[in-house]
Amino acid sequence: WHMLDIHYYDSFEELQQTFPNGRFFYSTTKAKKIYTEFVFKPGDFLVFGKETKGLPEELLKKNWPNCMRIPMINNARSLNLSNSVAIILFEAYRQNNFSGLI
């Protein structure tokens, strides 16, 4: 899409090495903190896993303080990936006064 600047990385580790001072936040149904408990800044990274599996347990354990969830009804299936991304991304934009949006 002509309105995006897309970059490709061979691995998640390569992305983290490219942005050593980057703040990464991880979305998972297993987290205790709700996404609205975080303060997002421009340049932050929001990390989402596969719709069928989510993020790897090892990654979540290493980054537990930065793991967040979307509140859900108990025993309900989780939201699909695009809805989850939209909810959390919109909150990050809202916290930053919709910087870059009209």
Protein backbone atom coordinates (compact mmCIF):
# COMPACT_ATOMS: atom_id res chain seq x y z
CA TRP A 1 0.00 0.00 0.00
CA HIS A 2 1.49 3.32 -1.04
CA MET A 3 0.78 4.97 2.35
CA LEU A 4 3.00 2.56 4.30
CA ASP A 5 6.73 2.21 4.62
CA ILE A 6 7.23 -1.56 4.98
CA HIS A 7 10.41 -3.14 6.32
CA TYR A 8 11.15 -6.88 6.39
CA TYR A 9 13.25 -8.73 8.97
CA ASP A 10 14.43 -12.33 8.86
CA SER A 11 13.61 -12.84 12.54
CA PHE A 12 12.11 -11.17 15.57
CA GLU A 13 15.62 -11.06 17.06
CA GLU A 14 16.83 -9.06 14.06
CA LEU A 15 14.04 -6.52 14.62
CA GLN A 16 14.99 -6.18 18.29
CA GLN A 17 18.68 -5.78 17.40
CA THR A 18 17.82 -3.11 14.83
CA PHE A 19 15.92 -1.17 17.53
CA PRO A 20 17.92 -1.86 20.74
CA ASN A 21 16.15 0.96 22.60
CA GLY A 22 12.73 0.00 21.28
CA ARG A 23 9.92 -0.74 23.70
CA PHE A 24 8.06 -3.93 22.83
CA PHE A 25 4.60 -4.82 24.14
CA TYR A 26 3.15 -8.31 23.75
CA SER A 27 -0.51 -9.21 23.36
CA THR A 28 -1.69 -12.46 24.94
CA THR A 29 -4.85 -13.83 26.52
CA LYS A 30 -2.65 -15.07 29.39
CA ALA A 31 -1.53 -11.64 30.69
CA LYS A 32 -2.81 -10.15 33.92
CA LYS A 33 -2.49 -6.50 32.85
CA ILE A 34 -5.06 -4.92 30.54
CA TYR A 35 -3.77 -2.96 27.53
CA THR A 36 -5.14 0.32 28.95
CA GLU A 37 -2.76 0.00 31.93
CA PHE A 38 0.20 0.73 29.65
CA VAL A 39 1.46 4.12 28.50
CA PHE A 40 2.39 3.96 24.84
CA LYS A 41 4.87 6.30 23.16
CA PRO A 42 5.62 6.99 19.51
CA GLY A 43 7.95 4.33 18.18
CA ASP A 44 6.71 1.56 20.47
CA PHE A 45 6.25 -1.91 19.01
CA LEU A 46 3.04 -3.89 19.49
CA VAL A 47 3.66 -7.61 19.09
CA PHE A 48 0.90 -10.08 18.19
CA GLY A 49 1.12 -13.81 17.56
CA LYS A 50 -0.60 -16.13 15.17
CA GLU A 51 -4.36 -16.13 15.35
CA THR A 52 -4.36 -19.88 16.01
CA LYS A 53 -1.58 -20.07 18.62
CA GLY A 54 -0.66 -16.63 19.89
CA LEU A 55 2.92 -15.80 20.86
CA PRO A 56 5.44 -18.44 21.99
CA GLU A 57 5.43 -19.12 25.76
CA GLU A 58 9.18 -18.54 25.98
CA LEU A 59 8.85 -15.04 24.49
CA LEU A 60 6.01 -14.19 26.88
CA LYS A 61 7.92 -15.43 29.94
CA LYS A 62 11.00 -13.35 29.02
CA ASN A 63 8.86 -10.23 28.60
CA TRP A 64 6.09 -10.77 31.16
CA PRO A 65 6.07 -7.17 32.50
CA ASN A 66 5.22 -5.95 28.99
CA CYS A 67 2.48 -8.49 28.30
CA MET A 68 -1.09 -7.27 27.98
CA ARG A 69 -4.54 -8.59 27.28
CA ILE A 70 -7.91 -7.36 26.09
CA PRO A 71 -10.67 -7.97 28.66
CA MET A 72 -12.94 -10.83 27.65
CA ILE A 73 -15.88 -12.74 29.08
CA ASN A 74 -14.70 -15.84 30.96
CA ASN A 75 -14.51 -18.98 28.81
CA ALA A 76 -15.20 -17.00 25.63
CA ARG A 77 -13.10 -17.50 22.54
CA SER A 78 -10.57 -14.75 21.96
CA LEU A 79 -11.10 -12.05 19.36
CA ASN A 80 -9.67 -12.54 15.92
CA LEU A 81 -6.26 -11.05 15.24
CA SER A 82 -7.37 -8.05 13.17
CA ASN A 83 -9.85 -6.94 15.84
CA SER A 84 -7.24 -7.32 18.58
CA VAL A 85 -4.70 -5.27 16.63
CA ALA A 86 -7.28 -2.57 15.92
CA ILE A 87 -8.30 -2.26 19.58
CA ILE A 88 -4.77 -1.95 20.97
CA LEU A 89 -3.38 0.15 18.12
CA PHE A 90 -6.26 2.62 18.40
CA GLU A 91 -5.56 2.99 22.14
CA ALA A 92 -1.88 3.67 21.41
CA TYR A 93 -2.88 6.33 18.87
CA ARG A 94 -5.42 7.81 21.30
CA GLN A 95 -2.79 8.13 24.03
CA ASN A 96 -0.59 10.00 21.58
CA ASN A 97 -3.32 12.42 20.48
CA PHE A 98 -3.76 10.50 17.21
CA SER A 99 -0.34 11.73 16.05
CA GLY A 100 0.06 11.23 12.31
CA LEU A 101 -3.69 10.89 11.72
CA ILE A 102 -6.06 13.53 10.45
